Amino acid sequence: MKNTALNQTHIALGAKMVPFAGYNMPVQYEGVNAEHETVRNSVGVFDVSHMGEFLIEGEHALDLIQKVSSNDASKLTIGKAQYSCLPNDDGGIVDDLIIYKLKEQTYLLVVNASNIEKDWNWIQSKNDVGATMRNLSEDYALLAIQGPKAIEAMQSLTSHDLSSIKFYNFVVGDFAGVEHVIISATGYTGSGGFEIYCKNAEVKQIWDKVFEAGADYGIKPIGLAARDTLRLEMGYCLYGNDIDETTSPLEAGLGWILKFTKDFTNSEALKAEKERGTERKLVAFKLDDRGIPRQGYDIVDGNGKKIGIVTSGTMSPSLGIGIGLGYVPNVFAAVDSKINIQIRKNAVPATIIKLPFYKGL
């Protein structure tokens, strides 16, 4: 089991540590609901240093990225980031990721922790163009500073105007006394904020200064459990739950990151699938009665027949109701359609709704 550079810091803060994607990770500190509310209302900090970082460089860096990723990375300019996915050869998804253009001919790919080795091998297997690849995952740390007060709380730590960094844009500069830090206006919470990429040796200094600067704003450390409830309230897909090697990007509502103006892995088959339409869709639902939907629960119709499965589910801390995502046949996928979630012996009625669940920003 690997540790992030902040492992001892989390233990000293009383975090409940759990194995996650091969790492010891803090799942919660004071409790999921309290941590969730901190991010929705003020500012919280996640250690997500388990995420993977690949540097793709050289004259043919863009050629490789264009081949393996579904979105059009040629549209990126220096200082911009892009959400994308790595399609496999069978209509599914190797991983979803964010692509950063650091310099001309230099790109940073940020991938999910559980897929680092798989993604690396997959991209390497497609690299017949001679792009230079470096796996930086073991050397770099990542902090997500999230919440509506993140800009105000963190401004004193950098000479860059944080309010000027637009969503999915970034700068490389000074932060908390460290040079050459990536300050990215990205995150998976839907409450605004930044992600900070730095070297492992620098992250403790940054962590300490972040908490010092945020003290007057109620800043708190946040665990992975609240990260999950926050992303689910926004309807953001989680790899391994809502998308995987067997789910089509089109089924998952990710058609917007498929750019058929270029050739990429399995693009012809995905284009044909788009033209004929999918047979099922990933939908968002809310329970009409009390209950908590969980991953793996059956979705059933009015006659009790199984029509799908819950891929993500929780009791929404912001809304106080059970919410979830799951795949169902198209006939049940329209907004306001009625389905049922099989919770033990009860078929609990639920309604298909339009995302996001939480509309705070």
Protein backbone atom coordinates (compact mmCIF):
# COMPACT_ATOMS: atom_id res chain seq x y z
CA MET A 1 0.00 0.00 0.00
CA LYS A 2 1.44 3.37 -1.04
CA ASN A 3 1.27 6.58 0.98
CA THR A 4 0.95 10.13 -0.27
CA ALA A 5 3.51 12.66 0.96
CA LEU A 6 0.90 13.95 3.44
CA ASN A 7 0.10 10.58 5.01
CA GLN A 8 1.44 11.47 8.48
CA THR A 9 -0.35 14.83 8.33
CA HIS A 10 -3.70 13.10 7.80
CA ILE A 11 -3.06 10.65 10.62
CA ALA A 12 -2.12 13.51 12.96
CA LEU A 13 -5.41 15.24 12.04
CA GLY A 14 -7.34 12.15 13.09
CA ALA A 15 -8.41 11.10 9.61
CA LYS A 16 -9.97 7.70 9.10
CA MET A 17 -7.59 6.11 6.60
CA VAL A 18 -8.71 3.47 4.08
CA PRO A 19 -7.10 1.66 1.15
CA PHE A 20 -8.10 3.30 -2.13
CA ALA A 21 -6.56 2.62 -5.56
CA GLY A 22 -3.47 1.18 -3.93
CA TYR A 23 -2.98 4.13 -1.54
CA ASN A 24 -3.73 4.82 2.10
CA MET A 25 -6.18 7.69 1.77
CA PRO A 26 -8.21 9.83 4.21
CA VAL A 27 -11.87 8.91 3.74
CA GLN A 28 -13.15 11.36 6.39
CA TYR A 29 -12.07 13.57 9.28
CA GLU A 30 -15.04 14.93 11.25
CA GLY A 31 -17.78 13.31 9.17
CA VAL A 32 -19.05 13.22 5.61
CA ASN A 33 -21.98 15.64 5.97
CA ALA A 34 -19.98 18.28 7.84
CA GLU A 35 -17.14 18.09 5.34
CA HIS A 36 -19.59 18.22 2.42
CA GLU A 37 -21.19 21.38 3.82
CA THR A 38 -17.77 22.98 4.35
CA VAL A 39 -17.03 22.69 0.62
CA ARG A 40 -20.50 23.84 -0.44
CA ASN A 41 -20.44 26.90 1.86
CA SER A 42 -16.81 27.93 2.46
CA VAL A 43 -13.57 26.13 1.54
CA GLY A 44 -12.10 22.66 2.03
CA VAL A 45 -8.92 20.89 0.98
CA PHE A 46 -8.59 17.39 -0.46
CA ASP A 47 -5.32 15.50 -0.80
CA VAL A 48 -5.78 13.77 -4.16
CA SER A 49 -2.09 13.05 -4.73
CA HIS A 50 -2.98 9.48 -5.67
CA MET A 51 -4.05 10.72 -9.11
CA GLY A 52 -1.72 9.94 -12.03
CA GLU A 53 0.23 12.46 -14.10
CA PHE A 54 1.80 11.71 -17.49
CA LEU A 55 3.93 14.19 -19.42
CA ILE A 56 3.68 13.81 -23.22
CA GLU A 57 6.28 15.84 -25.08
CA GLY A 58 7.93 16.38 -28.44
CA GLU A 59 7.14 17.08 -32.05
CA HIS A 60 4.50 14.31 -32.16
CA ALA A 61 2.99 14.78 -28.70
CA LEU A 62 -0.26 16.17 -30.09
CA ASP A 63 -0.45 13.39 -32.70
CA LEU A 64 -0.40 10.76 -29.95
CA ILE A 65 -2.92 12.61 -27.78
CA GLN A 66 -5.26 13.10 -30.72
CA LYS A 67 -5.11 9.39 -31.50
CA VAL A 68 -5.81 8.10 -28.00
CA SER A 69 -8.23 10.76 -26.69
CA SER A 70 -11.77 11.48 -27.87
CA ASN A 71 -11.87 15.27 -27.51
CA ASP A 72 -10.03 17.60 -29.88
CA ALA A 73 -6.79 18.55 -28.12
CA SER A 74 -5.72 20.69 -31.10
CA LYS A 75 -8.12 23.32 -29.76
CA LEU A 76 -6.03 23.70 -26.58
CA THR A 77 -3.82 26.74 -26.16
CA ILE A 78 -1.17 27.14 -23.47
CA GLY A 79 -2.95 27.64 -20.14
CA LYS A 80 -6.07 25.69 -21.05
CA ALA A 81 -7.28 22.27 -19.91
CA GLN A 82 -9.75 19.85 -21.46
CA TYR A 83 -11.89 16.97 -20.18
CA SER A 84 -11.64 13.91 -22.40
CA CYS A 85 -11.65 10.12 -22.38
CA LEU A 86 -9.52 7.28 -23.71
CA PRO A 87 -11.83 5.04 -25.77
CA ASN A 88 -10.95 1.35 -25.99
CA ASP A 89 -11.28 -0.79 -29.12
CA ASP A 90 -14.62 -2.28 -28.06
CA GLY A 91 -16.86 0.78 -27.57
CA GLY A 92 -16.02 1.30 -23.88
CA ILE A 93 -13.73 3.63 -21.95
CA VAL A 94 -10.18 2.94 -20.76
CA ASP A 95 -10.37 6.03 -18.52
CA ASP A 96 -11.53 9.63 -18.35
CA LEU A 97 -8.89 12.29 -17.89
CA ILE A 98 -7.94 15.97 -18.06
CA ILE A 99 -5.40 17.20 -20.63
CA TYR A 100 -3.36 20.35 -19.90
CA LYS A 101 -1.32 22.19 -22.53
CA LEU A 102 1.75 23.38 -20.61
CA LYS A 103 3.88 24.56 -23.55
CA GLU A 104 4.02 24.08 -27.29
CA GLN A 105 4.61 20.34 -27.71
CA THR A 106 4.24 19.65 -23.95
CA TYR A 107 1.05 18.24 -22.43
CA LEU A 108 0.12 16.94 -18.97
CA LEU A 109 -2.43 14.12 -18.78
CA VAL A 110 -4.10 13.62 -15.39
CA VAL A 111 -5.64 10.16 -15.00
CA ASN A 112 -7.49 8.23 -12.31
CA ALA A 113 -5.39 6.63 -9.58
CA SER A 114 -6.78 3.13 -10.07
CA ASN A 115 -5.91 3.24 -13.78
CA ILE A 116 -2.36 4.64 -13.78
CA GLU A 117 -0.59 1.48 -14.93
CA LYS A 118 -3.39 0.48 -17.33
CA ASP A 119 -3.54 3.95 -18.91
CA TRP A 120 0.24 4.19 -19.23
CA ASN A 121 0.45 0.83 -20.98
CA TRP A 122 -2.51 1.69 -23.23
CA ILE A 123 -1.10 5.04 -24.37
CA GLN A 124 2.38 3.54 -24.79
CA SER A 125 0.94 0.78 -26.98
CA LYS A 126 -0.48 3.45 -29.30
CA ASN A 127 2.72 5.52 -29.40
CA ASP A 128 4.04 4.65 -32.85
CA VAL A 129 4.71 8.32 -33.59
CA GLY A 130 7.72 8.71 -31.31
CA ALA A 131 6.23 11.04 -28.68
CA THR A 132 8.26 11.27 -25.45
CA MET A 133 6.33 9.91 -22.45
CA ARG A 134 7.19 10.41 -18.78
CA ASN A 135 5.21 9.00 -15.86
CA LEU A 136 5.38 11.62 -13.08
CA SER A 137 2.74 10.02 -10.87
CA GLU A 138 5.13 9.00 -8.06
CA ASP A 139 6.81 12.41 -7.92
CA TYR A 140 3.91 14.86 -7.86
CA ALA A 141 1.26 15.79 -5.32
CA LEU A 142 -2.19 17.25 -5.99
CA LEU A 143 -4.35 19.32 -3.66
CA ALA A 144 -7.93 20.28 -4.50
CA ILE A 145 -8.88 23.53 -2.73
CA GLN A 146 -12.63 23.70 -3.29
CA GLY A 147 -15.51 25.94 -2.31
CA PRO A 148 -17.03 29.38 -2.93
CA LYS A 149 -14.48 31.10 -0.65
CA ALA A 150 -11.43 29.46 -2.26
CA ILE A 151 -10.40 32.51 -4.31
CA GLU A 152 -10.69 34.95 -1.41
CA ALA A 153 -8.98 32.60 1.05
CA MET A 154 -6.04 31.72 -1.20
CA GLN A 155 -5.32 35.05 -2.93
CA SER A 156 -2.66 36.08 -0.40
CA LEU A 157 -0.56 33.01 -1.35
CA THR A 158 0.12 33.98 -4.97
CA SER A 159 0.97 36.97 -7.13
CA HIS A 160 -1.52 35.74 -9.76
CA ASP A 161 -5.06 37.10 -9.75
CA LEU A 162 -7.00 33.96 -8.92
CA SER A 163 -10.32 35.51 -9.91
CA SER A 164 -9.01 35.93 -13.47
CA ILE A 165 -8.36 32.19 -13.98
CA LYS A 166 -11.44 30.95 -15.80
CA PHE A 167 -12.93 27.46 -15.45
CA TYR A 168 -10.67 24.85 -17.08
CA ASN A 169 -7.81 27.35 -17.38
CA PHE A 170 -4.57 27.33 -15.37
CA VAL A 171 -1.37 29.25 -14.70
CA VAL A 172 2.10 28.05 -13.75
CA GLY A 173 3.54 30.32 -11.07
CA ASP A 174 4.20 31.03 -7.42
CA PHE A 175 1.96 29.64 -4.71
CA ALA A 176 2.57 29.45 -0.96
CA GLY A 177 6.24 30.32 -1.38
CA VAL A 178 6.86 27.66 -4.05
CA GLU A 179 7.67 28.48 -7.69
CA HIS A 180 6.43 26.63 -10.79
CA VAL A 181 3.21 25.36 -9.25
CA ILE A 182 0.25 24.58 -11.53
CA ILE A 183 -2.79 26.53 -10.27
CA SER A 184 -5.77 25.10 -12.15
CA ALA A 185 -9.40 26.27 -11.99
CA THR A 186 -10.65 22.71 -12.07
CA GLY A 187 -12.14 20.32 -9.54
CA TYR A 188 -14.85 17.71 -9.14
CA THR A 189 -17.17 19.34 -6.61
CA GLY A 190 -19.22 21.92 -8.51
CA SER A 191 -18.49 24.57 -5.86
CA GLY A 192 -15.57 26.30 -7.56
CA GLY A 193 -11.96 26.44 -6.48
CA PHE A 194 -8.57 25.23 -7.63
CA GLU A 195 -6.32 22.25 -8.00
CA ILE A 196 -2.66 22.67 -7.09
CA TYR A 197 0.03 20.46 -8.67
CA CYS A 198 3.45 20.45 -7.01
CA LYS A 199 6.34 18.13 -6.20
CA ASN A 200 6.03 15.77 -3.24
CA ALA A 201 8.81 17.61 -1.41
CA GLU A 202 6.83 20.87 -1.64
CA VAL A 203 3.34 19.77 -0.70
CA LYS A 204 3.70 19.91 3.11
CA GLN A 205 4.78 23.56 2.96
CA ILE A 206 1.88 24.35 0.64
CA TRP A 207 -0.62 22.43 2.81
CA ASP A 208 0.47 24.31 5.95
CA LYS A 209 0.32 27.73 4.28
CA VAL A 210 -3.06 26.95 2.72
CA PHE A 211 -4.52 26.21 6.15
CA GLU A 212 -2.89 29.27 7.63
CA ALA A 213 -4.33 31.51 4.89
CA GLY A 214 -7.75 29.88 5.12
CA ALA A 215 -8.06 29.99 8.92
CA ASP A 216 -10.39 33.00 8.90
CA TYR A 217 -12.59 31.33 6.26
CA GLY A 218 -13.33 28.13 8.16
CA ILE A 219 -11.05 25.99 6.02
CA LYS A 220 -11.01 22.26 6.81
CA PRO A 221 -9.45 19.07 5.43
CA ILE A 222 -11.91 16.98 3.44
CA GLY A 223 -11.89 13.22 2.82
CA LEU A 224 -12.73 11.07 -0.17
CA ALA A 225 -16.24 10.24 1.11
CA ALA A 226 -17.35 13.89 0.82
CA ARG A 227 -15.58 14.14 -2.54
CA ASP A 228 -17.92 11.37 -3.70
CA THR A 229 -21.13 12.98 -2.40
CA LEU A 230 -20.10 16.35 -3.86
CA ARG A 231 -19.37 14.96 -7.33
CA LEU A 232 -22.56 12.89 -7.31
CA GLU A 233 -24.72 15.94 -6.53
CA MET A 234 -23.30 17.42 -9.76
CA GLY A 235 -23.86 14.20 -11.72
CA TYR A 236 -20.17 13.85 -12.55
CA CYS A 237 -19.24 10.33 -13.65
CA LEU A 238 -16.87 8.30 -11.50
CA TYR A 239 -14.69 5.79 -13.30
CA GLY A 240 -15.35 2.26 -12.06
CA ASN A 241 -18.90 3.17 -11.02
CA ASP A 242 -20.65 5.05 -13.82
CA ILE A 243 -18.18 4.49 -16.66
CA ASP A 244 -15.79 1.64 -17.37
CA GLU A 245 -14.44 -0.62 -20.12
CA THR A 246 -17.99 -1.83 -20.94
CA THR A 247 -19.86 1.51 -21.01
CA SER A 248 -20.07 3.65 -24.12
CA PRO A 249 -19.31 7.37 -23.77
CA LEU A 250 -22.58 7.99 -25.64
CA GLU A 251 -24.61 5.91 -23.16
CA ALA A 252 -22.96 7.83 -20.32
CA GLY A 253 -23.98 11.23 -21.72
CA LEU A 254 -20.40 12.06 -22.71
CA GLY A 255 -21.10 12.50 -26.41
CA TRP A 256 -19.92 16.10 -26.06
CA ILE A 257 -16.32 14.92 -25.63
CA LEU A 258 -16.40 12.84 -28.81
CA LYS A 259 -15.08 14.99 -31.67
CA PHE A 260 -15.57 13.19 -34.97
CA THR A 261 -13.74 15.91 -36.87
CA LYS A 262 -10.62 13.76 -36.29
CA ASP A 263 -9.74 10.07 -36.21
CA PHE A 264 -9.20 8.53 -32.78
CA THR A 265 -9.34 5.03 -31.27
CA ASN A 266 -12.60 3.33 -32.28
CA SER A 267 -13.99 6.60 -33.64
CA GLU A 268 -15.70 4.98 -36.64
CA ALA A 269 -17.65 2.56 -34.44
CA LEU A 270 -18.58 5.32 -31.98
CA LYS A 271 -19.71 7.55 -34.84
CA ALA A 272 -21.95 4.74 -36.13
CA GLU A 273 -23.33 4.25 -32.62
CA LYS A 274 -24.16 7.94 -32.39
CA GLU A 275 -26.01 7.81 -35.71
CA ARG A 276 -28.12 4.77 -34.81
CA GLY A 277 -28.60 5.74 -31.15
CA THR A 278 -27.89 3.83 -27.96
CA GLU A 279 -30.27 1.33 -26.39
CA ARG A 280 -29.73 2.54 -22.83
CA LYS A 281 -28.73 5.74 -21.05
CA LEU A 282 -27.15 6.80 -17.80
CA VAL A 283 -29.89 8.67 -15.94
CA ALA A 284 -30.13 10.68 -12.74
CA PHE A 285 -32.92 9.89 -10.31
CA LYS A 286 -34.23 11.03 -6.93
CA LEU A 287 -36.18 8.85 -4.54
CA ASP A 288 -39.79 9.86 -3.97
CA ASP A 289 -39.85 8.13 -0.57
CA ARG A 290 -37.32 7.65 2.21
CA GLY A 291 -34.34 5.45 1.49
CA ILE A 292 -30.73 5.45 0.35
CA PRO A 293 -29.91 4.02 -3.08
CA ARG A 294 -26.54 2.26 -3.19
CA GLN A 295 -24.25 1.15 -5.98
CA GLY A 296 -25.32 -2.27 -7.23
CA TYR A 297 -29.00 -1.98 -6.26
CA ASP A 298 -31.45 -3.11 -8.96
CA ILE A 299 -33.61 -0.62 -10.83
CA VAL A 300 -37.03 -2.18 -11.51
CA ASP A 301 -40.17 -1.21 -13.40
CA GLY A 302 -43.71 -1.01 -11.98
CA ASN A 303 -44.06 -4.81 -12.25
CA GLY A 304 -40.87 -5.50 -10.34
CA LYS A 305 -38.90 -6.50 -13.46
CA LYS A 306 -35.23 -5.54 -13.39
CA ILE A 307 -34.46 -2.88 -16.00
CA GLY A 308 -31.09 -1.59 -14.80
CA ILE A 309 -28.66 -1.09 -11.96
CA VAL A 310 -27.63 1.79 -9.72
CA THR A 311 -24.04 2.82 -10.54
CA SER A 312 -23.74 5.57 -7.88
CA GLY A 313 -26.08 6.48 -5.05
CA THR A 314 -26.19 8.30 -1.73
CA MET A 315 -28.25 10.39 0.64
CA SER A 316 -27.61 13.90 -0.68
CA PRO A 317 -26.26 16.06 2.19
CA SER A 318 -27.37 19.26 0.42
CA LEU A 319 -30.87 18.10 -0.53
CA GLY A 320 -31.71 15.59 2.19
CA ILE A 321 -33.04 13.01 -0.27
CA GLY A 322 -31.76 9.81 -1.84
CA ILE A 323 -30.16 10.43 -5.24
CA GLY A 324 -28.35 8.27 -7.75
CA LEU A 325 -27.22 7.44 -11.26
CA GLY A 326 -27.91 4.28 -13.21
CA TYR A 327 -28.32 2.81 -16.67
CA VAL A 328 -31.86 2.12 -17.94
CA PRO A 329 -33.40 1.37 -21.37
CA ASN A 330 -34.27 4.49 -23.37
CA VAL A 331 -37.99 4.00 -22.80
CA PHE A 332 -37.43 4.80 -19.09
CA ALA A 333 -34.82 7.54 -19.61
CA ALA A 334 -36.94 10.65 -20.20
CA VAL A 335 -37.05 13.32 -17.49
CA ASP A 336 -40.02 12.77 -15.11
CA SER A 337 -40.20 9.04 -15.96
CA LYS A 338 -41.00 6.81 -13.00
CA ILE A 339 -38.78 3.92 -11.93
CA ASN A 340 -38.25 1.98 -8.70
CA ILE A 341 -35.10 1.21 -6.74
CA GLN A 342 -35.02 -2.19 -5.07
CA ILE A 343 -33.81 -1.45 -1.52
CA ARG A 344 -33.83 -4.80 0.27
CA LYS A 345 -37.46 -6.01 0.07
CA ASN A 346 -38.93 -2.64 -0.93
CA ALA A 347 -39.29 -1.23 -4.43
CA VAL A 348 -38.91 2.47 -3.60
CA PRO A 349 -40.43 4.81 -6.23
CA ALA A 350 -38.08 7.29 -7.91
CA THR A 351 -38.25 9.97 -10.60
CA ILE A 352 -35.79 10.61 -13.44
CA ILE A 353 -34.54 14.20 -13.20
CA LYS A 354 -32.28 16.53 -15.15
CA LEU A 355 -28.76 17.09 -13.84
CA PRO A 356 -27.28 18.56 -11.77
CA PHE A 357 -29.04 17.52 -8.57
CA TYR A 358 -27.45 20.49 -6.78
CA LYS A 359 -27.80 23.90 -8.41
CA GLY A 360 -25.85 26.07 -5.97
CA LEU A 361 -23.53 27.92 -8.36
